[in-house]
């Protein structure tokens, strides 16, 4: 029987193994237990805390990899980095990796963020930029890039109005609200065009992702697309590829549906999580972003749901200072408190 790895061994072992190994093992098949079978188990969270089967690790976001910043991350108690520096050469990324590893940190993800796959005039350039980000991620030793495939400016329903009817195989929609959908005909067309164009672009990127050994993790960022859990999950799953998965931003989705619903729908497609909080208004309609553990997210419920989904991986705080207070708040979340 193999010995469970310590958290530090897991972080640095993943870095040493290279980008492709982590991604391939993470999706090594349900018969072996999926991701839960390939990462170390996490034991009891202290005398009063629950025990979880899965291991969560702490990260924050950094731009260019800088030794002083890396030291500050480690001093605050973080274990990893998501970098926004996606347009570097593989050689520059490798240099950044060495800096991070010297401080005992793992660069686990690269944020490519917004592209406009639904704009035919820029799609080819955006595809090339994603290929560049994949190559950079491989140099960093990261196993995923964050990608928001497109956005729309068309008028859409309020979050509490959504009631989709869609084809689960294609994620094309026929209805967005109950009752008369004629007022939303333009939105339905824009949604379906964005789905089709994003699919065409992403299918071209599956081979480059596999070559780099880096997952393309799709995220929703209030881009008026795939706004409910079942629809977004259907879109991600429709690729049927281990190289196209989901990046779940916990705070971004609160205004549409309770985060636990999103986790249940996305399940094992989730490869990364962003940690933000969102406080709903008293009527549950709309609200604002707030500090983590200060909003409407049921963090103990989220932790249990991630455990049930078999999610082993990184919890990356997006926004806020890099300090021990933030790190300790994330400790509480990971502990299920």
C-alpha atoms as a PDB file:
ATOM      1  CA  UNK A   1       0.000   0.000   0.000  1.00  0.00           C
ATOM      2  CA  UNK A   2       1.459   3.364  -0.988  1.00  0.00           C
ATOM      3  CA  UNK A   3       2.112   6.056   1.589  1.00  0.00           C
ATOM      4  CA  UNK A   4      -0.015   9.215   1.342  1.00  0.00           C
ATOM      5  CA  UNK A   5       2.066  12.194   0.259  1.00  0.00           C
ATOM      6  CA  UNK A   6       2.439  15.280   2.382  1.00  0.00           C
ATOM      7  CA  UNK A   7       1.070  18.513   0.969  1.00  0.00           C
ATOM      8  CA  UNK A   8       4.594  19.823   0.280  1.00  0.00           C
ATOM      9  CA  UNK A   9       5.572  16.578  -1.473  1.00  0.00           C
ATOM     10  CA  UNK A  10       2.441  16.797  -3.575  1.00  0.00           C
ATOM     11  CA  UNK A  11       3.163  20.381  -4.654  1.00  0.00           C
ATOM     12  CA  UNK A  12       6.823  19.951  -5.508  1.00  0.00           C
ATOM     13  CA  UNK A  13       6.342  16.448  -6.862  1.00  0.00           C
ATOM     14  CA  UNK A  14       3.769  17.767  -9.291  1.00  0.00           C
ATOM     15  CA  UNK A  15       6.163  20.488 -10.386  1.00  0.00           C
ATOM     16  CA  UNK A  16       8.974  18.033 -10.969  1.00  0.00           C
ATOM     17  CA  UNK A  17       6.777  15.636 -12.918  1.00  0.00           C
ATOM     18  CA  UNK A  18       5.910  18.199 -15.584  1.00  0.00           C
ATOM     19  CA  UNK A  19       2.638  19.603 -16.838  1.00  0.00           C
ATOM     20  CA  UNK A  20       1.373  16.635 -18.818  1.00  0.00           C
ATOM     21  CA  UNK A  21       1.633  14.013 -16.106  1.00  0.00           C
ATOM     22  CA  UNK A  22      -0.718  15.746 -13.691  1.00  0.00           C
ATOM     23  CA  UNK A  23      -3.344  16.359 -16.359  1.00  0.00           C
ATOM     24  CA  UNK A  24      -3.226  12.820 -17.685  1.00  0.00           C
ATOM     25  CA  UNK A  25      -3.409  11.232 -14.237  1.00  0.00           C
ATOM     26  CA  UNK A  26      -6.236  13.523 -13.144  1.00  0.00           C
ATOM     27  CA  UNK A  27      -8.496  12.045 -15.807  1.00  0.00           C
ATOM     28  CA  UNK A  28      -7.201   8.498 -15.708  1.00  0.00           C
ATOM     29  CA  UNK A  29     -10.606   6.855 -15.803  1.00  0.00           C
ATOM     30  CA  UNK A  30     -13.540   6.273 -13.532  1.00  0.00           C
ATOM     31  CA  UNK A  31     -12.576   2.655 -12.926  1.00  0.00           C
ATOM     32  CA  UNK A  32      -9.579   3.882 -10.971  1.00  0.00           C
ATOM     33  CA  UNK A  33     -11.689   6.384  -9.073  1.00  0.00           C
ATOM     34  CA  UNK A  34     -10.945   9.407 -11.314  1.00  0.00           C
ATOM     35  CA  UNK A  35      -9.135  12.356  -9.835  1.00  0.00           C
ATOM     36  CA  UNK A  36      -9.783  11.224  -6.287  1.00  0.00           C
ATOM     37  CA  UNK A  37      -7.627   8.137  -6.838  1.00  0.00           C
ATOM     38  CA  UNK A  38      -4.637  10.067  -8.147  1.00  0.00           C
ATOM     39  CA  UNK A  39      -4.135  12.720  -5.492  1.00  0.00           C
ATOM     40  CA  UNK A  40      -3.296  12.364  -1.823  1.00  0.00           C
ATOM     41  CA  UNK A  41      -6.083  12.068   0.668  1.00  0.00           C
ATOM     42  CA  UNK A  42      -6.771  14.711   3.242  1.00  0.00           C
ATOM     43  CA  UNK A  43      -7.378  13.598   6.779  1.00  0.00           C
ATOM     44  CA  UNK A  44      -9.356  15.121   9.631  1.00  0.00           C
ATOM     45  CA  UNK A  45      -9.452  18.909   9.802  1.00  0.00           C
ATOM     46  CA  UNK A  46      -8.672  19.230  13.498  1.00  0.00           C
ATOM     47  CA  UNK A  47     -10.607  18.065  16.568  1.00  0.00           C
ATOM     48  CA  UNK A  48     -13.845  19.824  15.687  1.00  0.00           C
ATOM     49  CA  UNK A  49     -13.672  19.636  11.897  1.00  0.00           C
ATOM     50  CA  UNK A  50     -14.991  17.051   9.458  1.00  0.00           C
ATOM     51  CA  UNK A  51     -12.824  14.572   7.587  1.00  0.00           C
ATOM     52  CA  UNK A  52     -12.628  14.807   3.816  1.00  0.00           C
ATOM     53  CA  UNK A  53     -11.477  12.377   1.160  1.00  0.00           C
ATOM     54  CA  UNK A  54     -10.021  15.089  -1.030  1.00  0.00           C
ATOM     55  CA  UNK A  55      -7.059  17.464  -0.782  1.00  0.00           C
ATOM     56  CA  UNK A  56      -7.357  21.190  -1.482  1.00  0.00           C
ATOM     57  CA  UNK A  57      -4.359  23.487  -1.887  1.00  0.00           C
ATOM     58  CA  UNK A  58      -4.083  27.262  -1.506  1.00  0.00           C
ATOM     59  CA  UNK A  59      -3.058  29.717  -4.220  1.00  0.00           C
ATOM     60  CA  UNK A  60      -3.304  33.341  -5.244  1.00  0.00           C
ATOM     61  CA  UNK A  61      -2.831  35.181  -8.527  1.00  0.00           C
ATOM     62  CA  UNK A  62       0.449  36.766  -9.640  1.00  0.00           C
ATOM     63  CA  UNK A  63       1.543  38.546 -12.801  1.00  0.00           C
ATOM     64  CA  UNK A  64       5.151  38.059 -13.863  1.00  0.00           C
ATOM     65  CA  UNK A  65       6.853  35.576 -11.560  1.00  0.00           C
ATOM     66  CA  UNK A  66       8.945  37.587  -9.129  1.00  0.00           C
ATOM     67  CA  UNK A  67      11.163  36.201  -6.369  1.00  0.00           C
ATOM     68  CA  UNK A  68      10.102  38.829  -3.821  1.00  0.00           C
ATOM     69  CA  UNK A  69       6.417  38.205  -4.499  1.00  0.00           C
ATOM     70  CA  UNK A  70       6.944  34.453  -4.302  1.00  0.00           C
ATOM     71  CA  UNK A  71       8.530  34.850  -0.891  1.00  0.00           C
ATOM     72  CA  UNK A  72       5.532  36.934   0.219  1.00  0.00           C
ATOM     73  CA  UNK A  73       3.134  34.247  -1.025  1.00  0.00           C
ATOM     74  CA  UNK A  74       4.962  31.538   0.865  1.00  0.00           C
ATOM     75  CA  UNK A  75       5.290  33.650   4.003  1.00  0.00           C
ATOM     76  CA  UNK A  76       1.526  34.242   3.970  1.00  0.00           C
ATOM     77  CA  UNK A  77       0.934  30.493   3.839  1.00  0.00           C
ATOM     78  CA  UNK A  78       0.073  29.974   0.175  1.00  0.00           C
ATOM     79  CA  UNK A  79       1.327  26.955  -1.725  1.00  0.00           C
ATOM     80  CA  UNK A  80       0.788  27.899  -5.332  1.00  0.00           C
ATOM     81  CA  UNK A  81       0.391  30.538  -8.011  1.00  0.00           C
ATOM     82  CA  UNK A  82      -1.933  31.209 -10.912  1.00  0.00           C
ATOM     83  CA  UNK A  83      -0.084  33.553 -13.230  1.00  0.00           C
ATOM     84  CA  UNK A  84      -1.605  36.068 -15.622  1.00  0.00           C
ATOM     85  CA  UNK A  85       1.663  36.207 -17.616  1.00  0.00           C
ATOM     86  CA  UNK A  86       0.468  33.995 -20.475  1.00  0.00           C
ATOM     87  CA  UNK A  87       2.256  35.648 -23.413  1.00  0.00           C
ATOM     88  CA  UNK A  88       5.793  34.733 -22.352  1.00  0.00           C
ATOM     89  CA  UNK A  89       8.045  32.337 -24.238  1.00  0.00           C
ATOM     90  CA  UNK A  90       8.452  28.774 -22.969  1.00  0.00           C
ATOM     91  CA  UNK A  91      11.984  29.696 -21.903  1.00  0.00           C
ATOM     92  CA  UNK A  92      10.735  32.658 -19.873  1.00  0.00           C
ATOM     93  CA  UNK A  93       8.088  30.433 -18.322  1.00  0.00           C
ATOM     94  CA  UNK A  94      10.722  27.863 -17.361  1.00  0.00           C
ATOM     95  CA  UNK A  95      12.727  30.603 -15.669  1.00  0.00           C
ATOM     96  CA  UNK A  96       9.621  31.656 -13.739  1.00  0.00           C
ATOM     97  CA  UNK A  97       9.046  28.073 -12.703  1.00  0.00           C
ATOM     98  CA  UNK A  98      12.534  27.861 -11.225  1.00  0.00           C
ATOM     99  CA  UNK A  99      11.947  31.048  -9.219  1.00  0.00           C
ATOM    100  CA  UNK A 100       8.648  29.712  -7.833  1.00  0.00           C
ATOM    101  CA  UNK A 101      10.029  26.291  -6.995  1.00  0.00           C
ATOM    102  CA  UNK A 102      12.974  27.834  -5.176  1.00  0.00           C
ATOM    103  CA  UNK A 103      10.390  29.357  -2.838  1.00  0.00           C
ATOM    104  CA  UNK A 104       8.537  26.042  -2.514  1.00  0.00           C
ATOM    105  CA  UNK A 105       5.633  27.155  -4.724  1.00  0.00           C
ATOM    106  CA  UNK A 106       3.878  25.445  -7.638  1.00  0.00           C
ATOM    107  CA  UNK A 107       2.658  27.442 -10.649  1.00  0.00           C
ATOM    108  CA  UNK A 108      -0.502  25.448 -11.204  1.00  0.00           C
ATOM    109  CA  UNK A 109      -2.425  27.504 -13.760  1.00  0.00           C
ATOM    110  CA  UNK A 110      -2.139  30.253 -16.367  1.00  0.00           C
ATOM    111  CA  UNK A 111      -4.907  32.823 -16.800  1.00  0.00           C
ATOM    112  CA  UNK A 112      -5.471  33.489 -20.506  1.00  0.00           C
ATOM    113  CA  UNK A 113      -8.916  34.894 -19.587  1.00  0.00           C
ATOM    114  CA  UNK A 114     -11.094  36.570 -22.244  1.00  0.00           C
ATOM    115  CA  UNK A 115     -11.062  35.720 -25.926  1.00  0.00           C
ATOM    116  CA  UNK A 116     -13.675  36.415 -28.606  1.00  0.00           C
ATOM    117  CA  UNK A 117     -14.262  33.123 -30.354  1.00  0.00           C
ATOM    118  CA  UNK A 118     -17.712  34.389 -31.352  1.00  0.00           C
ATOM    119  CA  UNK A 119     -16.118  37.155 -33.465  1.00  0.00           C
ATOM    120  CA  UNK A 120     -15.048  35.631 -36.813  1.00  0.00           C
ATOM    121  CA  UNK A 121     -12.718  38.576 -37.455  1.00  0.00           C
ATOM    122  CA  UNK A 122     -10.569  37.867 -34.400  1.00  0.00           C
ATOM    123  CA  UNK A 123     -11.099  34.131 -33.830  1.00  0.00           C
ATOM    124  CA  UNK A 124      -7.946  33.001 -35.659  1.00  0.00           C
ATOM    125  CA  UNK A 125      -5.783  35.412 -33.672  1.00  0.00           C
ATOM    126  CA  UNK A 126      -7.420  34.327 -30.438  1.00  0.00           C
ATOM    127  CA  UNK A 127      -6.821  30.661 -31.261  1.00  0.00           C
ATOM    128  CA  UNK A 128      -3.132  31.445 -31.854  1.00  0.00           C
ATOM    129  CA  UNK A 129      -2.969  33.309 -28.539  1.00  0.00           C
ATOM    130  CA  UNK A 130      -4.420  30.308 -26.697  1.00  0.00           C
ATOM    131  CA  UNK A 131      -1.800  28.066 -28.304  1.00  0.00           C
ATOM    132  CA  UNK A 132       0.844  30.462 -26.996  1.00  0.00           C
ATOM    133  CA  UNK A 133      -0.697  30.315 -23.516  1.00  0.00           C
ATOM    134  CA  UNK A 134      -0.678  26.509 -23.638  1.00  0.00           C
ATOM    135  CA  UNK A 135       3.032  26.483 -24.490  1.00  0.00           C
ATOM    136  CA  UNK A 136       3.738  28.954 -21.691  1.00  0.00           C
ATOM    137  CA  UNK A 137       1.763  26.813 -19.240  1.00  0.00           C
ATOM    138  CA  UNK A 138       3.843  23.775 -20.158  1.00  0.00           C
ATOM    139  CA  UNK A 139       6.980  25.811 -19.483  1.00  0.00           C
ATOM    140  CA  UNK A 140       5.668  26.902 -16.097  1.00  0.00           C
ATOM    141  CA  UNK A 141       4.800  23.311 -15.194  1.00  0.00           C
ATOM    142  CA  UNK A 142       1.107  24.271 -14.968  1.00  0.00           C
ATOM    143  CA  UNK A 143      -1.530  21.698 -15.835  1.00  0.00           C
ATOM    144  CA  UNK A 144      -4.290  24.087 -17.005  1.00  0.00           C
ATOM    145  CA  UNK A 145      -5.079  27.463 -18.494  1.00  0.00           C
ATOM    146  CA  UNK A 146      -8.157  29.499 -17.609  1.00  0.00           C
ATOM    147  CA  UNK A 147     -10.156  30.549 -20.669  1.00  0.00           C
ATOM    148  CA  UNK A 148     -13.375  32.544 -21.095  1.00  0.00           C
ATOM    149  CA  UNK A 149     -14.378  31.621 -24.673  1.00  0.00           C
ATOM    150  CA  UNK A 150     -16.421  34.709 -25.527  1.00  0.00           C
ATOM    151  CA  UNK A 151     -18.840  37.329 -24.280  1.00  0.00           C
ATOM    152  CA  UNK A 152     -22.003  39.011 -25.547  1.00  0.00           C
ATOM    153  CA  UNK A 153     -23.492  42.466 -25.213  1.00  0.00           C
ATOM    154  CA  UNK A 154     -27.023  41.529 -26.184  1.00  0.00           C
ATOM    155  CA  UNK A 155     -29.872  42.079 -23.742  1.00  0.00           C
ATOM    156  CA  UNK A 156     -30.553  38.930 -21.750  1.00  0.00           C
ATOM    157  CA  UNK A 157     -32.962  37.859 -18.982  1.00  0.00           C
ATOM    158  CA  UNK A 158     -32.376  38.686 -15.350  1.00  0.00           C
ATOM    159  CA  UNK A 159     -30.630  35.849 -13.492  1.00  0.00           C
ATOM    160  CA  UNK A 160     -33.784  34.766 -11.660  1.00  0.00           C
ATOM    161  CA  UNK A 161     -35.747  34.506 -14.937  1.00  0.00           C
ATOM    162  CA  UNK A 162     -33.637  31.840 -16.639  1.00  0.00           C
ATOM    163  CA  UNK A 163     -35.373  28.592 -17.473  1.00  0.00           C
ATOM    164  CA  UNK A 164     -33.442  26.971 -20.290  1.00  0.00           C
ATOM    165  CA  UNK A 165     -34.584  24.302 -22.697  1.00  0.00           C
ATOM    166  CA  UNK A 166     -31.644  22.914 -24.664  1.00  0.00           C
ATOM    167  CA  UNK A 167     -30.150  19.969 -26.514  1.00  0.00           C
ATOM    168  CA  UNK A 168     -27.753  18.285 -24.047  1.00  0.00           C
ATOM    169  CA  UNK A 169     -25.575  16.995 -26.899  1.00  0.00           C
ATOM    170  CA  UNK A 170     -24.968  20.377 -28.530  1.00  0.00           C
ATOM    171  CA  UNK A 171     -25.902  22.849 -25.742  1.00  0.00           C
ATOM    172  CA  UNK A 172     -27.992  24.788 -28.292  1.00  0.00           C
ATOM    173  CA  UNK A 173     -31.018  26.404 -26.655  1.00  0.00           C
ATOM    174  CA  UNK A 174     -34.638  26.711 -27.753  1.00  0.00           C
ATOM    175  CA  UNK A 175     -35.935  28.575 -24.695  1.00  0.00           C
ATOM    176  CA  UNK A 176     -34.406  30.877 -22.077  1.00  0.00           C
ATOM    177  CA  UNK A 177     -37.460  31.713 -19.930  1.00  0.00           C
ATOM    178  CA  UNK A 178     -40.836  30.203 -19.242  1.00  0.00           C
ATOM    179  CA  UNK A 179     -43.696  31.363 -21.413  1.00  0.00           C
ATOM    180  CA  UNK A 180     -43.277  33.628 -24.430  1.00  0.00           C
ATOM    181  CA  UNK A 181     -39.711  33.629 -25.699  1.00  0.00           C
ATOM    182  CA  UNK A 182     -40.297  35.965 -28.668  1.00  0.00           C
ATOM    183  CA  UNK A 183     -38.762  38.931 -26.773  1.00  0.00           C
ATOM    184  CA  UNK A 184     -35.586  36.879 -26.367  1.00  0.00           C
ATOM    185  CA  UNK A 185     -35.231  35.684 -29.955  1.00  0.00           C
ATOM    186  CA  UNK A 186     -32.097  37.778 -30.536  1.00  0.00           C
ATOM    187  CA  UNK A 187     -30.511  36.492 -27.340  1.00  0.00           C
ATOM    188  CA  UNK A 188     -31.292  32.876 -28.243  1.00  0.00           C
ATOM    189  CA  UNK A 189     -29.639  33.387 -31.642  1.00  0.00           C
ATOM    190  CA  UNK A 190     -26.585  35.076 -30.116  1.00  0.00           C
ATOM    191  CA  UNK A 191     -26.269  32.339 -27.478  1.00  0.00           C
ATOM    192  CA  UNK A 192     -26.417  29.577 -30.080  1.00  0.00           C
ATOM    193  CA  UNK A 193     -23.985  31.340 -32.418  1.00  0.00           C
ATOM    194  CA  UNK A 194     -21.540  31.802 -29.535  1.00  0.00           C
ATOM    195  CA  UNK A 195     -21.882  28.129 -28.608  1.00  0.00           C
ATOM    196  CA  UNK A 196     -21.264  26.957 -32.175  1.00  0.00           C
ATOM    197  CA  UNK A 197     -18.336  29.311 -32.820  1.00  0.00           C
ATOM    198  CA  UNK A 198     -16.730  28.561 -29.462  1.00  0.00           C
ATOM    199  CA  UNK A 199     -17.044  24.857 -30.140  1.00  0.00           C
ATOM    200  CA  UNK A 200     -15.391  25.211 -33.549  1.00  0.00           C
ATOM    201  CA  UNK A 201     -12.476  27.151 -32.070  1.00  0.00           C
ATOM    202  CA  UNK A 202     -12.010  24.874 -29.078  1.00  0.00           C
ATOM    203  CA  UNK A 203     -12.060  21.751 -31.209  1.00  0.00           C
ATOM    204  CA  UNK A 204      -9.054  23.182 -33.077  1.00  0.00           C
ATOM    205  CA  UNK A 205      -7.279  23.579 -29.739  1.00  0.00           C
ATOM    206  CA  UNK A 206      -7.758  20.057 -28.395  1.00  0.00           C
ATOM    207  CA  UNK A 207      -4.714  18.699 -30.234  1.00  0.00           C
ATOM    208  CA  UNK A 208      -2.398  21.568 -29.155  1.00  0.00           C
ATOM    209  CA  UNK A 209      -3.635  21.142 -25.565  1.00  0.00           C
ATOM    210  CA  UNK A 210      -2.877  17.438 -25.673  1.00  0.00           C
ATOM    211  CA  UNK A 211       0.575  18.097 -27.142  1.00  0.00           C
ATOM    212  CA  UNK A 212       1.333  20.570 -24.357  1.00  0.00           C
ATOM    213  CA  UNK A 213      -0.218  18.325 -21.713  1.00  0.00           C
ATOM    214  CA  UNK A 214      -2.301  21.267 -20.505  1.00  0.00           C
ATOM    215  CA  UNK A 215      -6.065  21.355 -19.923  1.00  0.00           C
ATOM    216  CA  UNK A 216      -8.169  24.219 -21.284  1.00  0.00           C
ATOM    217  CA  UNK A 217     -10.403  25.047 -18.305  1.00  0.00           C
ATOM    218  CA  UNK A 218     -13.471  27.055 -19.328  1.00  0.00           C
ATOM    219  CA  UNK A 219     -14.798  29.730 -16.992  1.00  0.00           C
ATOM    220  CA  UNK A 220     -17.942  31.858 -16.977  1.00  0.00           C
ATOM    221  CA  UNK A 221     -17.454  35.515 -16.012  1.00  0.00           C
ATOM    222  CA  UNK A 222     -20.827  37.256 -16.352  1.00  0.00           C
ATOM    223  CA  UNK A 223     -20.512  36.932 -20.126  1.00  0.00           C
ATOM    224  CA  UNK A 224     -24.275  36.314 -20.599  1.00  0.00           C
ATOM    225  CA  UNK A 225     -23.660  32.764 -21.802  1.00  0.00           C
ATOM    226  CA  UNK A 226     -24.365  29.301 -20.344  1.00  0.00           C
ATOM    227  CA  UNK A 227     -25.877  31.037 -17.324  1.00  0.00           C
ATOM    228  CA  UNK A 228     -27.315  28.029 -15.501  1.00  0.00           C
ATOM    229  CA  UNK A 229     -25.562  24.926 -14.148  1.00  0.00           C
ATOM    230  CA  UNK A 230     -27.049  22.252 -16.410  1.00  0.00           C
ATOM    231  CA  UNK A 231     -26.407  24.262 -19.581  1.00  0.00           C
ATOM    232  CA  UNK A 232     -22.794  25.127 -18.786  1.00  0.00           C
ATOM    233  CA  UNK A 233     -22.133  21.535 -17.761  1.00  0.00           C
ATOM    234  CA  UNK A 234     -23.673  20.301 -21.027  1.00  0.00           C
ATOM    235  CA  UNK A 235     -21.431  22.632 -23.029  1.00  0.00           C
ATOM    236  CA  UNK A 236     -18.254  21.474 -21.265  1.00  0.00           C
ATOM    237  CA  UNK A 237     -19.187  17.795 -21.422  1.00  0.00           C
ATOM    238  CA  UNK A 238     -20.178  17.997 -25.099  1.00  0.00           C
ATOM    239  CA  UNK A 239     -16.501  18.029 -26.115  1.00  0.00           C
ATOM    240  CA  UNK A 240     -15.986  14.608 -24.550  1.00  0.00           C
ATOM    241  CA  UNK A 241     -12.299  15.476 -24.110  1.00  0.00           C
ATOM    242  CA  UNK A 242     -10.035  15.400 -21.086  1.00  0.00           C
ATOM    243  CA  UNK A 243      -8.404  18.552 -22.473  1.00  0.00           C
ATOM    244  CA  UNK A 244     -11.592  20.671 -22.284  1.00  0.00           C
ATOM    245  CA  UNK A 245     -12.858  20.943 -18.707  1.00  0.00           C
ATOM    246  CA  UNK A 246     -14.331  23.505 -16.290  1.00  0.00           C
ATOM    247  CA  UNK A 247     -12.790  26.233 -14.157  1.00  0.00           C
ATOM    248  CA  UNK A 248     -15.408  26.907 -11.479  1.00  0.00           C
ATOM    249  CA  UNK A 249     -15.422  30.414 -10.020  1.00  0.00           C
ATOM    250  CA  UNK A 250     -17.474  30.086  -6.849  1.00  0.00           C
ATOM    251  CA  UNK A 251     -18.378  33.760  -6.483  1.00  0.00           C
ATOM    252  CA  UNK A 252     -19.167  34.437 -10.144  1.00  0.00           C
ATOM    253  CA  UNK A 253     -22.088  32.025 -10.177  1.00  0.00           C
ATOM    254  CA  UNK A 254     -23.947  33.011  -6.998  1.00  0.00           C
ATOM    255  CA  UNK A 255     -26.320  35.447  -8.686  1.00  0.00           C
ATOM    256  CA  UNK A 256     -27.511  32.706 -11.067  1.00  0.00           C
ATOM    257  CA  UNK A 257     -27.771  29.671  -8.800  1.00  0.00           C
ATOM    258  CA  UNK A 258     -26.472  28.386  -5.470  1.00  0.00           C
ATOM    259  CA  UNK A 259     -22.813  27.245  -5.871  1.00  0.00           C
ATOM    260  CA  UNK A 260     -23.553  23.706  -4.722  1.00  0.00           C
ATOM    261  CA  UNK A 261     -25.885  23.283  -7.711  1.00  0.00           C
ATOM    262  CA  UNK A 262     -23.063  24.289 -10.054  1.00  0.00           C
ATOM    263  CA  UNK A 263     -20.666  21.822  -8.442  1.00  0.00           C
ATOM    264  CA  UNK A 264     -23.180  18.993  -8.667  1.00  0.00           C
ATOM    265  CA  UNK A 265     -23.808  19.726 -12.359  1.00  0.00           C
ATOM    266  CA  UNK A 266     -20.147  20.138 -13.334  1.00  0.00           C
ATOM    267  CA  UNK A 267     -18.908  17.264 -11.165  1.00  0.00           C
ATOM    268  CA  UNK A 268     -15.641  15.724 -12.300  1.00  0.00           C
ATOM    269  CA  UNK A 269     -15.241  18.224 -15.136  1.00  0.00           C
ATOM    270  CA  UNK A 270     -14.030  20.756 -12.537  1.00  0.00           C
ATOM    271  CA  UNK A 271     -10.233  21.010 -12.627  1.00  0.00           C
ATOM    272  CA  UNK A 272      -9.739  24.376 -10.890  1.00  0.00           C
ATOM    273  CA  UNK A 273     -11.645  26.647  -8.502  1.00  0.00           C
ATOM    274  CA  UNK A 274     -11.508  30.387  -7.976  1.00  0.00           C
ATOM    275  CA  UNK A 275     -12.449  31.603  -4.512  1.00  0.00           C
ATOM    276  CA  UNK A 276     -14.553  34.757  -4.338  1.00  0.00           C
ATOM    277  CA  UNK A 277     -17.675  35.645  -2.369  1.00  0.00           C
ATOM    278  CA  UNK A 278     -20.859  37.432  -3.419  1.00  0.00           C
ATOM    279  CA  UNK A 279     -23.535  38.890  -1.166  1.00  0.00           C
ATOM    280  CA  UNK A 280     -27.067  38.661  -2.533  1.00  0.00           C
ATOM    281  CA  UNK A 281     -29.553  41.422  -1.882  1.00  0.00           C
ATOM    282  CA  UNK A 282     -32.283  40.749   0.685  1.00  0.00           C
ATOM    283  CA  UNK A 283     -34.712  39.683  -2.064  1.00  0.00           C
ATOM    284  CA  UNK A 284     -32.121  37.318  -3.568  1.00  0.00           C
ATOM    285  CA  UNK A 285     -31.990  39.368  -6.768  1.00  0.00           C
ATOM    286  CA  UNK A 286     -28.579  40.829  -7.536  1.00  0.00           C
ATOM    287  CA  UNK A 287     -25.936  41.897  -5.074  1.00  0.00           C
ATOM    288  CA  UNK A 288     -22.217  42.646  -4.942  1.00  0.00           C
ATOM    289  CA  UNK A 289     -18.845  41.008  -4.502  1.00  0.00           C
ATOM    290  CA  UNK A 290     -17.484  41.037  -0.960  1.00  0.00           C
ATOM    291  CA  UNK A 291     -14.530  39.539   0.890  1.00  0.00           C
ATOM    292  CA  UNK A 292     -14.398  35.773   1.222  1.00  0.00           C
ATOM    293  CA  UNK A 293     -16.528  34.402   4.078  1.00  0.00           C
ATOM    294  CA  UNK A 294     -18.446  37.721   4.147  1.00  0.00           C
ATOM    295  CA  UNK A 295     -21.130  36.941   1.585  1.00  0.00           C
ATOM    296  CA  UNK A 296     -23.887  34.506   0.702  1.00  0.00           C
ATOM    297  CA  UNK A 297     -21.747  31.467  -0.172  1.00  0.00           C
ATOM    298  CA  UNK A 298     -22.363  28.463   2.072  1.00  0.00           C
ATOM    299  CA  UNK A 299     -18.672  27.573   2.385  1.00  0.00           C
ATOM    300  CA  UNK A 300     -19.113  24.400   4.471  1.00  0.00           C
ATOM    301  CA  UNK A 301     -21.650  23.211   1.909  1.00  0.00           C
ATOM    302  CA  UNK A 302     -19.300  24.059  -0.951  1.00  0.00           C
ATOM    303  CA  UNK A 303     -16.498  22.100   0.712  1.00  0.00           C
ATOM    304  CA  UNK A 304     -18.734  19.059   1.164  1.00  0.00           C
ATOM    305  CA  UNK A 305     -19.949  19.279  -2.424  1.00  0.00           C
ATOM    306  CA  UNK A 306     -16.385  19.488  -3.769  1.00  0.00           C
ATOM    307  CA  UNK A 307     -15.520  16.437  -1.688  1.00  0.00           C
ATOM    308  CA  UNK A 308     -18.514  14.534  -3.031  1.00  0.00           C
ATOM    309  CA  UNK A 309     -17.435  15.478  -6.574  1.00  0.00           C
ATOM    310  CA  UNK A 310     -13.973  14.031  -5.893  1.00  0.00           C
ATOM    311  CA  UNK A 311     -12.262  17.381  -6.491  1.00  0.00           C
ATOM    312  CA  UNK A 312      -8.579  17.308  -5.562  1.00  0.00           C
ATOM    313  CA  UNK A 313      -6.872  20.527  -6.493  1.00  0.00           C
ATOM    314  CA  UNK A 314      -6.300  24.210  -6.088  1.00  0.00           C
ATOM    315  CA  UNK A 315      -8.429  26.875  -4.442  1.00  0.00           C
ATOM    316  CA  UNK A 316      -7.148  30.162  -5.860  1.00  0.00           C
ATOM    317  CA  UNK A 317      -8.236  33.413  -4.254  1.00  0.00           C
ATOM    318  CA  UNK A 318      -9.013  36.014  -6.904  1.00  0.00           C
ATOM    319  CA  UNK A 319      -8.591  39.514  -5.563  1.00  0.00           C
ATOM    320  CA  UNK A 320      -7.676  40.837  -2.162  1.00  0.00           C
ATOM    321  CA  UNK A 321      -4.348  41.197  -0.445  1.00  0.00           C
ATOM    322  CA  UNK A 322      -1.741  38.467  -0.218  1.00  0.00           C
ATOM    323  CA  UNK A 323      -1.500  38.074   3.540  1.00  0.00           C
ATOM    324  CA  UNK A 324      -1.950  35.609   6.384  1.00  0.00           C
ATOM    325  CA  UNK A 325      -5.513  36.765   7.033  1.00  0.00           C
ATOM    326  CA  UNK A 326      -6.579  35.714   3.544  1.00  0.00           C
ATOM    327  CA  UNK A 327      -4.630  32.483   3.891  1.00  0.00           C
ATOM    328  CA  UNK A 328      -6.287  31.673   7.209  1.00  0.00           C
ATOM    329  CA  UNK A 329      -9.749  32.348   5.791  1.00  0.00           C
ATOM    330  CA  UNK A 330      -8.960  29.889   3.037  1.00  0.00           C
ATOM    331  CA  UNK A 331      -7.764  27.395   5.675  1.00  0.00           C
ATOM    332  CA  UNK A 332     -11.212  27.595   7.270  1.00  0.00           C
ATOM    333  CA  UNK A 333     -12.922  27.006   3.928  1.00  0.00           C
ATOM    334  CA  UNK A 334     -10.709  23.998   3.193  1.00  0.00           C
ATOM    335  CA  UNK A 335     -11.463  22.677   6.682  1.00  0.00           C
ATOM    336  CA  UNK A 336     -15.185  22.837   5.936  1.00  0.00           C
ATOM    337  CA  UNK A 337     -15.879  25.635   8.416  1.00  0.00           C
END
